Amino acid sequence: MVTQNEHARQAPEIKDEDLILRIGDGDRTAYGMLMDRHLRMNLAFATRLLGNSHEAEDVMQEAFVRVWKHAVNWDPGRNTKFTTWFYRVVMNLCLDVKRKRKPAVNLDEAADVQSDENGADGVLEEKQRAARVAEALRQLPERQKAAVVLCYLQGKSNREAAEIMDVSVNALEALLVRGRKKLAEILSRDKNQLLEETG
């Protein structure tokens, strides 16, 4: 006898492209399933691009509103992967937010230091390192930043990232090379400055 949990594990997973077709028919359950699959990873992507979790949450809300509104127009004949389309939507919304921003210092971006008696130094050091990398990422040009985040932080292949960014694989690889070089320069400069301050 097969239990309900075993049956659920044996059932084939519904593809994203099938879910969006169901969403186009008004299926709220399919919408919830798609949100459950893609919210966390895309929220992390948006947060890395924007450097601000509040703006990233707003972007994700708008992105999922667009899923609901545009699902009815989804054309399975185009052979478009939902994930590619959705990453592109999120990336474009992030770029729109950045264009509308007014230059300002955001205190929400400051590293959150928590007390941990058994490893406070290690936790603080890790948070400082993460903050330095995040700051270095913010200094990259937008397209380089998107390429680096997609490939190295989101785990996308070069082909997937190129599709999301609507560029060739060669162009993406050139963006990655320039992005890595610029990151290395920024982080090296920061390291030298830190050594001078503490030395």
N, C-alpha and C. Protein backbone atom coordinates (compact mmCIF):
# COMPACT_ATOMS: atom_id res chain seq x y z
N MET A 1 0.84 -1.19 0.00
CA MET A 1 0.00 0.00 0.00
C MET A 1 0.88 1.25 0.00
N VAL A 2 0.59 2.19 -0.85
CA VAL A 2 1.36 3.44 -0.98
C VAL A 2 0.71 4.51 -0.12
N THR A 3 1.53 5.11 0.76
CA THR A 3 1.00 6.18 1.61
C THR A 3 0.85 7.45 0.79
N GLN A 4 0.14 8.42 1.37
CA GLN A 4 -0.08 9.69 0.67
C GLN A 4 1.24 10.41 0.41
N ASN A 5 2.16 10.40 1.38
CA ASN A 5 3.47 11.05 1.20
C ASN A 5 4.28 10.38 0.11
N GLU A 6 4.25 9.04 0.07
CA GLU A 6 4.99 8.33 -0.98
C GLU A 6 4.40 8.63 -2.35
N HIS A 7 3.07 8.71 -2.41
CA HIS A 7 2.40 9.04 -3.67
C HIS A 7 2.81 10.43 -4.15
N ALA A 8 2.88 11.38 -3.20
CA ALA A 8 3.27 12.76 -3.55
C ALA A 8 4.69 12.78 -4.08
N ARG A 9 5.58 11.96 -3.48
CA ARG A 9 6.97 11.93 -3.94
C ARG A 9 7.09 11.27 -5.31
N GLN A 10 6.19 10.33 -5.61
CA GLN A 10 6.25 9.62 -6.88
C GLN A 10 5.59 10.41 -8.01
N ALA A 11 4.71 11.32 -7.66
CA ALA A 11 4.00 12.09 -8.68
C ALA A 11 4.97 13.01 -9.40
N PRO A 12 4.87 13.06 -10.73
CA PRO A 12 5.79 13.94 -11.47
C PRO A 12 5.52 15.40 -11.13
N GLU A 13 6.59 16.17 -11.04
CA GLU A 13 6.44 17.59 -10.72
C GLU A 13 5.87 18.33 -11.93
N ILE A 14 4.97 19.23 -11.66
CA ILE A 14 4.36 20.03 -12.73
C ILE A 14 5.36 21.08 -13.17
N LYS A 15 5.58 21.18 -14.47
CA LYS A 15 6.53 22.14 -15.00
C LYS A 15 6.01 23.57 -14.82
N ASP A 16 6.94 24.50 -14.65
CA ASP A 16 6.58 25.91 -14.50
C ASP A 16 5.73 26.40 -15.66
N GLU A 17 6.06 25.95 -16.85
CA GLU A 17 5.35 26.40 -18.04
C GLU A 17 3.89 25.92 -18.02
N ASP A 18 3.66 24.73 -17.44
CA ASP A 18 2.27 24.24 -17.29
C ASP A 18 1.54 25.03 -16.21
N LEU A 19 2.27 25.38 -15.15
CA LEU A 19 1.65 26.17 -14.08
C LEU A 19 1.21 27.53 -14.59
N ILE A 20 2.04 28.18 -15.41
CA ILE A 20 1.67 29.52 -15.88
C ILE A 20 0.46 29.44 -16.81
N LEU A 21 0.33 28.35 -17.55
CA LEU A 21 -0.87 28.18 -18.36
C LEU A 21 -2.10 28.05 -17.47
N ARG A 22 -1.95 27.31 -16.37
CA ARG A 22 -3.07 27.16 -15.42
C ARG A 22 -3.38 28.51 -14.75
N ILE A 23 -2.35 29.29 -14.47
CA ILE A 23 -2.56 30.61 -13.88
C ILE A 23 -3.35 31.48 -14.85
N GLY A 24 -3.04 31.35 -16.14
CA GLY A 24 -3.78 32.09 -17.16
C GLY A 24 -5.27 31.77 -17.15
N ASP A 25 -5.61 30.58 -16.66
CA ASP A 25 -7.02 30.18 -16.53
C ASP A 25 -7.59 30.56 -15.16
N GLY A 26 -6.79 31.29 -14.34
CA GLY A 26 -7.27 31.75 -13.04
C GLY A 26 -7.00 30.80 -11.88
N ASP A 27 -6.12 29.83 -12.06
CA ASP A 27 -5.83 28.83 -11.02
C ASP A 27 -4.92 29.42 -9.94
N ARG A 28 -5.51 29.74 -8.79
CA ARG A 28 -4.76 30.35 -7.68
C ARG A 28 -3.79 29.35 -7.04
N THR A 29 -4.13 28.08 -7.04
CA THR A 29 -3.23 27.05 -6.48
C THR A 29 -1.95 27.00 -7.30
N ALA A 30 -2.08 27.03 -8.61
CA ALA A 30 -0.90 27.02 -9.48
C ALA A 30 -0.05 28.27 -9.24
N TYR A 31 -0.72 29.39 -9.01
CA TYR A 31 -0.02 30.65 -8.71
C TYR A 31 0.79 30.51 -7.42
N GLY A 32 0.18 29.94 -6.40
CA GLY A 32 0.87 29.72 -5.14
C GLY A 32 2.07 28.78 -5.30
N MET A 33 1.90 27.74 -6.10
CA MET A 33 3.00 26.80 -6.34
C MET A 33 4.17 27.51 -7.02
N LEU A 34 3.86 28.32 -8.01
CA LEU A 34 4.91 29.05 -8.73
C LEU A 34 5.62 30.04 -7.81
N MET A 35 4.85 30.71 -6.97
CA MET A 35 5.45 31.64 -6.00
C MET A 35 6.37 30.88 -5.04
N ASP A 36 5.89 29.75 -4.53
CA ASP A 36 6.71 28.96 -3.60
C ASP A 36 8.03 28.53 -4.24
N ARG A 37 8.00 28.20 -5.51
CA ARG A 37 9.21 27.75 -6.20
C ARG A 37 10.21 28.88 -6.45
N HIS A 38 9.71 30.08 -6.73
CA HIS A 38 10.59 31.11 -7.27
C HIS A 38 10.80 32.35 -6.41
N LEU A 39 10.03 32.51 -5.36
CA LEU A 39 10.15 33.73 -4.57
C LEU A 39 11.51 33.87 -3.91
N ARG A 40 11.95 32.88 -3.16
CA ARG A 40 13.17 33.03 -2.37
C ARG A 40 14.40 33.30 -3.23
N MET A 41 14.58 32.51 -4.28
CA MET A 41 15.77 32.69 -5.13
C MET A 41 15.75 34.04 -5.85
N ASN A 42 14.59 34.43 -6.34
CA ASN A 42 14.51 35.70 -7.06
C ASN A 42 14.57 36.89 -6.12
N LEU A 43 14.09 36.72 -4.89
CA LEU A 43 14.23 37.79 -3.89
C LEU A 43 15.70 38.01 -3.58
N ALA A 44 16.45 36.92 -3.45
CA ALA A 44 17.90 37.04 -3.21
C ALA A 44 18.57 37.74 -4.40
N PHE A 45 18.17 37.39 -5.60
CA PHE A 45 18.71 38.00 -6.82
C PHE A 45 18.44 39.51 -6.82
N ALA A 46 17.19 39.88 -6.55
CA ALA A 46 16.81 41.30 -6.54
C ALA A 46 17.54 42.05 -5.42
N THR A 47 17.67 41.42 -4.26
CA THR A 47 18.36 42.06 -3.15
C THR A 47 19.82 42.31 -3.51
N ARG A 48 20.45 41.37 -4.17
CA ARG A 48 21.85 41.55 -4.57
C ARG A 48 22.00 42.64 -5.63
N LEU A 49 21.05 42.70 -6.55
CA LEU A 49 21.13 43.74 -7.58
C LEU A 49 20.88 45.12 -7.00
N LEU A 50 19.93 45.21 -6.07
CA LEU A 50 19.54 46.52 -5.53
C LEU A 50 20.31 46.91 -4.28
N GLY A 51 20.78 45.93 -3.53
CA GLY A 51 21.46 46.22 -2.28
C GLY A 51 20.51 46.71 -1.20
N ASN A 52 19.22 46.43 -1.36
CA ASN A 52 18.22 46.91 -0.41
C ASN A 52 17.07 45.91 -0.37
N SER A 53 16.87 45.28 0.78
CA SER A 53 15.86 44.22 0.88
C SER A 53 14.44 44.76 0.74
N HIS A 54 14.18 45.97 1.20
CA HIS A 54 12.83 46.53 1.09
C HIS A 54 12.45 46.77 -0.37
N GLU A 55 13.38 47.35 -1.12
CA GLU A 55 13.12 47.56 -2.55
C GLU A 55 12.98 46.23 -3.27
N ALA A 56 13.79 45.24 -2.88
CA ALA A 56 13.72 43.92 -3.51
C ALA A 56 12.36 43.27 -3.26
N GLU A 57 11.83 43.43 -2.06
CA GLU A 57 10.51 42.88 -1.76
C GLU A 57 9.44 43.56 -2.62
N ASP A 58 9.56 44.86 -2.81
CA ASP A 58 8.61 45.57 -3.69
C ASP A 58 8.72 45.07 -5.12
N VAL A 59 9.95 44.84 -5.58
CA VAL A 59 10.17 44.33 -6.93
C VAL A 59 9.52 42.96 -7.08
N MET A 60 9.69 42.10 -6.08
CA MET A 60 9.11 40.76 -6.18
C MET A 60 7.58 40.81 -6.18
N GLN A 61 7.02 41.71 -5.40
CA GLN A 61 5.57 41.85 -5.40
C GLN A 61 5.09 42.25 -6.80
N GLU A 62 5.75 43.22 -7.39
CA GLU A 62 5.37 43.66 -8.75
C GLU A 62 5.61 42.54 -9.77
N ALA A 63 6.70 41.80 -9.62
CA ALA A 63 6.99 40.71 -10.56
C ALA A 63 5.91 39.65 -10.53
N PHE A 64 5.45 39.29 -9.33
CA PHE A 64 4.40 38.28 -9.26
C PHE A 64 3.04 38.82 -9.68
N VAL A 65 2.81 40.11 -9.53
CA VAL A 65 1.59 40.71 -10.08
C VAL A 65 1.63 40.57 -11.61
N ARG A 66 2.80 40.79 -12.18
CA ARG A 66 2.93 40.65 -13.64
C ARG A 66 2.72 39.21 -14.09
N VAL A 67 3.18 38.25 -13.29
CA VAL A 67 2.92 36.84 -13.62
C VAL A 67 1.41 36.63 -13.72
N TRP A 68 0.68 37.11 -12.71
CA TRP A 68 -0.78 36.91 -12.70
C TRP A 68 -1.43 37.60 -13.90
N LYS A 69 -1.03 38.84 -14.17
CA LYS A 69 -1.65 39.61 -15.25
C LYS A 69 -1.30 39.07 -16.64
N HIS A 70 -0.06 38.62 -16.82
CA HIS A 70 0.40 38.25 -18.16
C HIS A 70 0.31 36.75 -18.44
N ALA A 71 -0.08 35.96 -17.45
CA ALA A 71 -0.15 34.50 -17.65
C ALA A 71 -1.12 34.15 -18.77
N VAL A 72 -2.17 34.92 -18.90
CA VAL A 72 -3.17 34.64 -19.93
C VAL A 72 -2.56 34.76 -21.34
N ASN A 73 -1.47 35.52 -21.47
CA ASN A 73 -0.82 35.72 -22.77
C ASN A 73 0.35 34.76 -23.01
N TRP A 74 0.61 33.84 -22.07
CA TRP A 74 1.75 32.93 -22.20
C TRP A 74 1.55 32.06 -23.44
N ASP A 75 2.56 32.03 -24.29
CA ASP A 75 2.48 31.26 -25.54
C ASP A 75 3.43 30.07 -25.46
N PRO A 76 2.91 28.87 -25.23
CA PRO A 76 3.77 27.70 -25.12
C PRO A 76 4.50 27.39 -26.44
N GLY A 77 4.00 27.90 -27.53
CA GLY A 77 4.63 27.69 -28.83
C GLY A 77 5.98 28.37 -28.97
N ARG A 78 6.26 29.35 -28.13
CA ARG A 78 7.52 30.08 -28.21
C ARG A 78 8.67 29.32 -27.56
N ASN A 79 8.34 28.25 -26.83
CA ASN A 79 9.35 27.43 -26.13
C ASN A 79 10.21 28.25 -25.18
N THR A 80 9.64 29.24 -24.55
CA THR A 80 10.34 30.06 -23.57
C THR A 80 10.24 29.39 -22.22
N LYS A 81 11.38 29.33 -21.51
CA LYS A 81 11.35 28.81 -20.15
C LYS A 81 10.81 29.90 -19.22
N PHE A 82 9.93 29.51 -18.31
CA PHE A 82 9.40 30.47 -17.36
C PHE A 82 10.51 31.13 -16.56
N THR A 83 11.49 30.33 -16.11
CA THR A 83 12.55 30.88 -15.26
C THR A 83 13.33 31.97 -15.99
N THR A 84 13.61 31.77 -17.26
CA THR A 84 14.33 32.78 -18.03
C THR A 84 13.50 34.06 -18.13
N TRP A 85 12.24 33.90 -18.48
CA TRP A 85 11.34 35.06 -18.59
C TRP A 85 11.23 35.78 -17.26
N PHE A 86 11.07 35.03 -16.17
CA PHE A 86 10.84 35.65 -14.87
C PHE A 86 12.10 36.36 -14.36
N TYR A 87 13.27 35.76 -14.54
CA TYR A 87 14.51 36.44 -14.16
C TYR A 87 14.64 37.76 -14.92
N ARG A 88 14.28 37.75 -16.19
CA ARG A 88 14.36 38.97 -16.99
C ARG A 88 13.40 40.03 -16.46
N VAL A 89 12.19 39.61 -16.08
CA VAL A 89 11.22 40.55 -15.49
C VAL A 89 11.80 41.16 -14.22
N VAL A 90 12.33 40.32 -13.33
CA VAL A 90 12.89 40.79 -12.07
C VAL A 90 14.07 41.73 -12.32
N MET A 91 14.95 41.34 -13.23
CA MET A 91 16.12 42.18 -13.54
C MET A 91 15.69 43.54 -14.09
N ASN A 92 14.74 43.55 -14.99
CA ASN A 92 14.28 44.83 -15.56
C ASN A 92 13.60 45.70 -14.51
N LEU A 93 12.83 45.09 -13.61
CA LEU A 93 12.21 45.87 -12.54
C LEU A 93 13.27 46.46 -11.62
N CYS A 94 14.32 45.70 -11.35
CA CYS A 94 15.43 46.22 -10.52
C CYS A 94 16.10 47.40 -11.20
N LEU A 95 16.32 47.29 -12.49
CA LEU A 95 16.94 48.40 -13.23
C LEU A 95 16.05 49.62 -13.21
N ASP A 96 14.74 49.43 -13.31
CA ASP A 96 13.80 50.56 -13.22
C ASP A 96 13.90 51.24 -11.86
N VAL A 97 13.97 50.44 -10.80
CA VAL A 97 14.09 51.00 -9.44
C VAL A 97 15.38 51.81 -9.33
N LYS A 98 16.47 51.27 -9.84
CA LYS A 98 17.76 51.98 -9.74
C LYS A 98 17.74 53.29 -10.52
N ARG A 99 17.07 53.31 -11.66
CA ARG A 99 16.99 54.54 -12.45
C ARG A 99 16.20 55.62 -11.72
N LYS A 100 15.20 55.21 -10.95
CA LYS A 100 14.34 56.17 -10.25
C LYS A 100 14.90 56.62 -8.91
N ARG A 101 15.94 55.95 -8.44
CA ARG A 101 16.50 56.28 -7.13
C ARG A 101 17.10 57.67 -7.09
N LYS A 102 16.99 58.25 -5.92
CA LYS A 102 17.70 59.49 -5.65
C LYS A 102 18.94 59.10 -4.85
N PRO A 103 20.09 59.68 -5.14
CA PRO A 103 21.28 59.33 -4.37
C PRO A 103 21.07 59.62 -2.89
N ALA A 104 21.31 58.63 -2.08
CA ALA A 104 21.16 58.80 -0.63
C ALA A 104 21.90 57.69 0.08
N VAL A 105 22.23 57.93 1.31
CA VAL A 105 22.83 56.90 2.14
C VAL A 105 21.69 56.16 2.82
N ASN A 106 21.67 54.83 2.67
CA ASN A 106 20.61 54.02 3.24
C ASN A 106 21.13 53.29 4.47
N LEU A 107 20.64 53.65 5.64
CA LEU A 107 21.08 53.02 6.87
C LEU A 107 20.63 51.57 6.97
N ASP A 108 19.61 51.17 6.20
CA ASP A 108 19.16 49.78 6.21
C ASP A 108 20.22 48.84 5.65
N GLU A 109 21.15 49.38 4.87
CA GLU A 109 22.17 48.55 4.26
C GLU A 109 23.34 48.27 5.21
N ALA A 110 23.37 48.91 6.35
CA ALA A 110 24.45 48.68 7.30
C ALA A 110 24.40 47.25 7.79
N ALA A 111 25.56 46.66 8.01
CA ALA A 111 25.63 45.27 8.47
C ALA A 111 25.01 45.16 9.86
N ASP A 112 24.26 44.11 10.06
CA ASP A 112 23.61 43.84 11.32
C ASP A 112 24.55 42.97 12.15
N VAL A 113 25.04 43.45 13.27
CA VAL A 113 25.96 42.70 14.10
C VAL A 113 25.18 42.11 15.27
N GLN A 114 25.25 40.78 15.37
CA GLN A 114 24.55 40.10 16.45
C GLN A 114 25.56 39.55 17.44
N SER A 115 25.16 39.47 18.69
CA SER A 115 26.02 38.94 19.73
C SER A 115 25.99 37.42 19.70
N ASP A 116 27.16 36.82 19.76
CA ASP A 116 27.28 35.37 19.83
C ASP A 116 28.50 35.08 20.68
N GLU A 117 28.27 34.67 21.91
CA GLU A 117 29.37 34.52 22.85
C GLU A 117 30.42 33.53 22.37
N ASN A 118 30.03 32.49 21.64
CA ASN A 118 30.96 31.45 21.24
C ASN A 118 31.68 31.75 19.94
N GLY A 119 31.41 32.83 19.30
CA GLY A 119 32.09 33.10 18.04
C GLY A 119 31.80 34.47 17.52
N ALA A 120 31.70 35.44 18.38
CA ALA A 120 31.34 36.79 17.96
C ALA A 120 32.34 37.33 16.95
N ASP A 121 33.63 37.06 17.16
CA ASP A 121 34.64 37.56 16.22
C ASP A 121 34.44 36.95 14.84
N GLY A 122 34.17 35.65 14.81
CA GLY A 122 33.96 34.98 13.52
C GLY A 122 32.73 35.48 12.81
N VAL A 123 31.65 35.66 13.56
CA VAL A 123 30.40 36.16 12.97
C VAL A 123 30.61 37.58 12.45
N LEU A 124 31.26 38.41 13.25
CA LEU A 124 31.51 39.79 12.85
C LEU A 124 32.40 39.83 11.61
N GLU A 125 33.43 39.00 11.60
CA GLU A 125 34.34 38.97 10.46
C GLU A 125 33.61 38.54 9.19
N GLU A 126 32.75 37.52 9.30
CA GLU A 126 31.99 37.05 8.14
C GLU A 126 31.02 38.13 7.65
N LYS A 127 30.36 38.83 8.56
CA LYS A 127 29.45 39.90 8.17
C LYS A 127 30.20 41.04 7.50
N GLN A 128 31.39 41.35 8.01
CA GLN A 128 32.19 42.42 7.41
C GLN A 128 32.65 42.03 6.02
N ARG A 129 33.04 40.77 5.86
CA ARG A 129 33.47 40.29 4.54
C ARG A 129 32.29 40.35 3.57
N ALA A 130 31.12 39.89 4.01
CA ALA A 130 29.93 39.92 3.15
C ALA A 130 29.56 41.36 2.79
N ALA A 131 29.71 42.27 3.75
CA ALA A 131 29.40 43.68 3.49
C ALA A 131 30.38 44.27 2.47
N ARG A 132 31.66 43.89 2.57
CA ARG A 132 32.66 44.38 1.60
C ARG A 132 32.36 43.87 0.19
N VAL A 133 32.00 42.60 0.09
CA VAL A 133 31.66 42.04 -1.23
C VAL A 133 30.40 42.71 -1.77
N ALA A 134 29.39 42.89 -0.91
CA ALA A 134 28.15 43.55 -1.35
C ALA A 134 28.43 44.96 -1.83
N GLU A 135 29.29 45.68 -1.11
CA GLU A 135 29.64 47.04 -1.51
C GLU A 135 30.41 47.03 -2.83
N ALA A 136 31.32 46.06 -2.99
CA ALA A 136 32.07 45.95 -4.24
C ALA A 136 31.10 45.65 -5.40
N LEU A 137 30.13 44.78 -5.17
CA LEU A 137 29.14 44.49 -6.21
C LEU A 137 28.36 45.74 -6.59
N ARG A 138 28.01 46.57 -5.61
CA ARG A 138 27.25 47.80 -5.90
C ARG A 138 28.05 48.75 -6.78
N GLN A 139 29.36 48.65 -6.75
CA GLN A 139 30.19 49.55 -7.54
C GLN A 139 30.36 49.10 -8.99
N LEU A 140 29.95 47.87 -9.29
CA LEU A 140 30.06 47.37 -10.66
C LEU A 140 29.01 48.02 -11.55
N PRO A 141 29.33 48.19 -12.83
CA PRO A 141 28.29 48.61 -13.78
C PRO A 141 27.15 47.57 -13.77
N GLU A 142 25.94 48.01 -14.05
CA GLU A 142 24.75 47.17 -13.91
C GLU A 142 24.84 45.84 -14.65
N ARG A 143 25.27 45.85 -15.89
CA ARG A 143 25.30 44.61 -16.67
C ARG A 143 26.35 43.65 -16.14
N GLN A 144 27.49 44.16 -15.69
CA GLN A 144 28.50 43.29 -15.09
C GLN A 144 27.97 42.70 -13.79
N LYS A 145 27.32 43.55 -12.99
CA LYS A 145 26.76 43.08 -11.72
C LYS A 145 25.73 41.98 -11.97
N ALA A 146 24.84 42.19 -12.92
CA ALA A 146 23.82 41.18 -13.22
C ALA A 146 24.46 39.87 -13.65
N ALA A 147 25.48 39.93 -14.50
CA ALA A 147 26.16 38.72 -14.96
C ALA A 147 26.82 37.98 -13.79
N VAL A 148 27.52 38.71 -12.94
CA VAL A 148 28.20 38.10 -11.79
C VAL A 148 27.18 37.48 -10.83
N VAL A 149 26.12 38.21 -10.53
CA VAL A 149 25.11 37.70 -9.60
C VAL A 149 24.44 36.46 -10.16
N LEU A 150 24.03 36.50 -11.43
CA LEU A 150 23.36 35.35 -12.03
C LEU A 150 24.25 34.11 -12.03
N CYS A 151 25.50 34.25 -12.44
CA CYS A 151 26.38 33.09 -12.59
C CYS A 151 26.99 32.61 -11.28
N TYR A 152 27.44 33.53 -10.45
CA TYR A 152 28.18 33.12 -9.26
C TYR A 152 27.35 33.07 -7.99
N LEU A 153 26.31 33.85 -7.91
CA LEU A 153 25.51 33.86 -6.69
C LEU A 153 24.18 33.13 -6.86
N GLN A 154 23.65 33.11 -8.08
CA GLN A 154 22.39 32.41 -8.33
C GLN A 154 22.61 31.04 -8.95
N GLY A 155 23.84 30.74 -9.35
CA GLY A 155 24.16 29.41 -9.87
C GLY A 155 23.66 29.13 -11.27
N LYS A 156 23.38 30.16 -12.05
CA LYS A 156 22.92 29.97 -13.42
C LYS A 156 24.10 29.63 -14.32
N SER A 157 23.85 28.81 -15.33
CA SER A 157 24.88 28.53 -16.32
C SER A 157 25.08 29.78 -17.18
N ASN A 158 26.20 29.82 -17.89
CA ASN A 158 26.44 30.96 -18.77
C ASN A 158 25.34 31.08 -19.82
N ARG A 159 24.88 29.95 -20.34
CA ARG A 159 23.83 29.98 -21.35
C ARG A 159 22.53 30.54 -20.77
N GLU A 160 22.17 30.07 -19.55
CA GLU A 160 20.94 30.57 -18.91
C GLU A 160 21.04 32.06 -18.62
N ALA A 161 22.18 32.48 -18.08
CA ALA A 161 22.37 33.89 -17.76
C ALA A 161 22.32 34.75 -19.02
N ALA A 162 22.91 34.25 -20.10
CA ALA A 162 22.90 35.00 -21.37
C ALA A 162 21.46 35.16 -21.87
N GLU A 163 20.66 34.10 -21.74
CA GLU A 163 19.25 34.20 -22.15
C GLU A 163 18.51 35.22 -21.30
N ILE A 164 18.74 35.17 -20.00
CA ILE A 164 18.05 36.10 -19.10
C ILE A 164 18.42 37.54 -19.43
N MET A 165 19.70 37.76 -19.71
CA MET A 165 20.17 39.12 -20.00
C MET A 165 19.96 39.51 -21.45
N ASP A 166 19.52 38.56 -22.28
CA ASP A 166 19.28 38.80 -23.69
C ASP A 166 20.55 39.24 -24.42
N VAL A 167 21.64 38.49 -24.15
CA VAL A 167 22.92 38.71 -24.82
C VAL A 167 23.46 37.35 -25.26
N SER A 168 24.49 37.37 -26.09
CA SER A 168 25.11 36.11 -26.50
C SER A 168 25.96 35.56 -25.36
N VAL A 169 26.29 34.28 -25.42
CA VAL A 169 27.14 33.68 -24.40
C VAL A 169 28.51 34.36 -24.39
N ASN A 170 29.04 34.69 -25.56
CA ASN A 170 30.33 35.38 -25.62
C ASN A 170 30.26 36.75 -24.94
N ALA A 171 29.18 37.47 -25.17
CA ALA A 171 29.02 38.78 -24.53
C ALA A 171 28.92 38.62 -23.01
N LEU A 172 28.19 37.60 -22.57
CA LEU A 172 28.07 37.35 -21.13
C LEU A 172 29.45 37.04 -20.54
N GLU A 173 30.20 36.20 -21.22
CA GLU A 173 31.53 35.84 -20.70
C GLU A 173 32.44 37.06 -20.63
N ALA A 174 32.31 37.95 -21.59
CA ALA A 174 33.10 39.19 -21.54
C ALA A 174 32.68 40.04 -20.33
N LEU A 175 31.38 40.10 -20.07
CA LEU A 175 30.89 40.83 -18.89
C LEU A 175 31.43 40.20 -17.60
N LEU A 176 31.48 38.88 -17.56
CA LEU A 176 32.00 38.18 -16.38
C LEU A 176 33.48 38.48 -16.17
N VAL A 177 34.24 38.46 -17.25
CA VAL A 177 35.68 38.74 -17.15
C VAL A 177 35.89 40.16 -16.62
N ARG A 178 35.20 41.12 -17.22
CA ARG A 178 35.34 42.51 -16.76
C ARG A 178 34.82 42.67 -15.32
N GLY A 179 33.73 42.00 -15.00
CA GLY A 179 33.17 42.09 -13.65
C GLY A 179 34.10 41.51 -12.60
N ARG A 180 34.68 40.34 -12.88
CA ARG A 180 35.63 39.73 -11.93
C ARG A 180 36.86 40.60 -11.75
N LYS A 181 37.34 41.17 -12.85
CA LYS A 181 38.53 42.02 -12.78
C LYS A 181 38.24 43.26 -11.93
N LYS A 182 37.10 43.88 -12.17
CA LYS A 182 36.72 45.08 -11.42
C LYS A 182 36.52 44.74 -9.94
N LEU A 183 35.86 43.61 -9.64
CA LEU A 183 35.68 43.19 -8.25
C LEU A 183 37.03 42.99 -7.57
N ALA A 184 37.95 42.32 -8.27
CA ALA A 184 39.27 42.08 -7.69
C ALA A 184 39.97 43.41 -7.40
N GLU A 185 39.86 44.37 -8.31
CA GLU A 185 40.48 45.69 -8.10
C GLU A 185 39.88 46.38 -6.87
N ILE A 186 38.56 46.36 -6.79
CA ILE A 186 37.86 47.04 -5.68
C ILE A 186 38.24 46.39 -4.35
N LEU A 187 38.17 45.06 -4.30
CA LEU A 187 38.45 44.35 -3.06
C LEU A 187 39.93 44.48 -2.66
N SER A 188 40.82 44.50 -3.66
CA SER A 188 42.24 44.68 -3.37
C SER A 188 42.50 46.07 -2.81
N ARG A 189 41.86 47.07 -3.41
CA ARG A 189 41.99 48.45 -2.94
C ARG A 189 41.48 48.57 -1.50
N ASP A 190 40.33 47.94 -1.23
CA ASP A 190 39.77 47.95 0.12
C ASP A 190 40.69 47.25 1.11
N LYS A 191 41.29 46.14 0.68
CA LYS A 191 42.20 45.40 1.55
C LYS A 191 43.42 46.26 1.89
N ASN A 192 44.00 46.90 0.87
CA ASN A 192 45.16 47.76 1.10
C ASN A 192 44.82 48.92 2.02
N GLN A 193 43.65 49.50 1.83
CA GLN A 193 43.23 50.61 2.68
C GLN A 193 43.04 50.14 4.12
N LEU A 194 42.46 48.96 4.30
CA LEU A 194 42.25 48.41 5.65
C LEU A 194 43.59 48.13 6.33
N LEU A 195 44.54 47.61 5.58
CA LEU A 195 45.87 47.32 6.13
C LEU A 195 46.56 48.60 6.57
N GLU A 196 46.42 49.66 5.76
CA GLU A 196 47.02 50.94 6.13
C GLU A 196 46.39 51.52 7.40
N GLU A 197 45.07 51.35 7.52
CA GLU A 197 44.37 51.89 8.70
C GLU A 197 44.73 51.14 9.97
N THR A 198 44.95 49.84 9.87
CA THR A 198 45.24 49.04 11.06
C THR A 198 46.73 48.88 11.31
N GLY A 199 47.53 49.17 10.30
CA GLY A 199 48.97 48.95 10.41
C GLY A 199 49.65 50.10 11.02
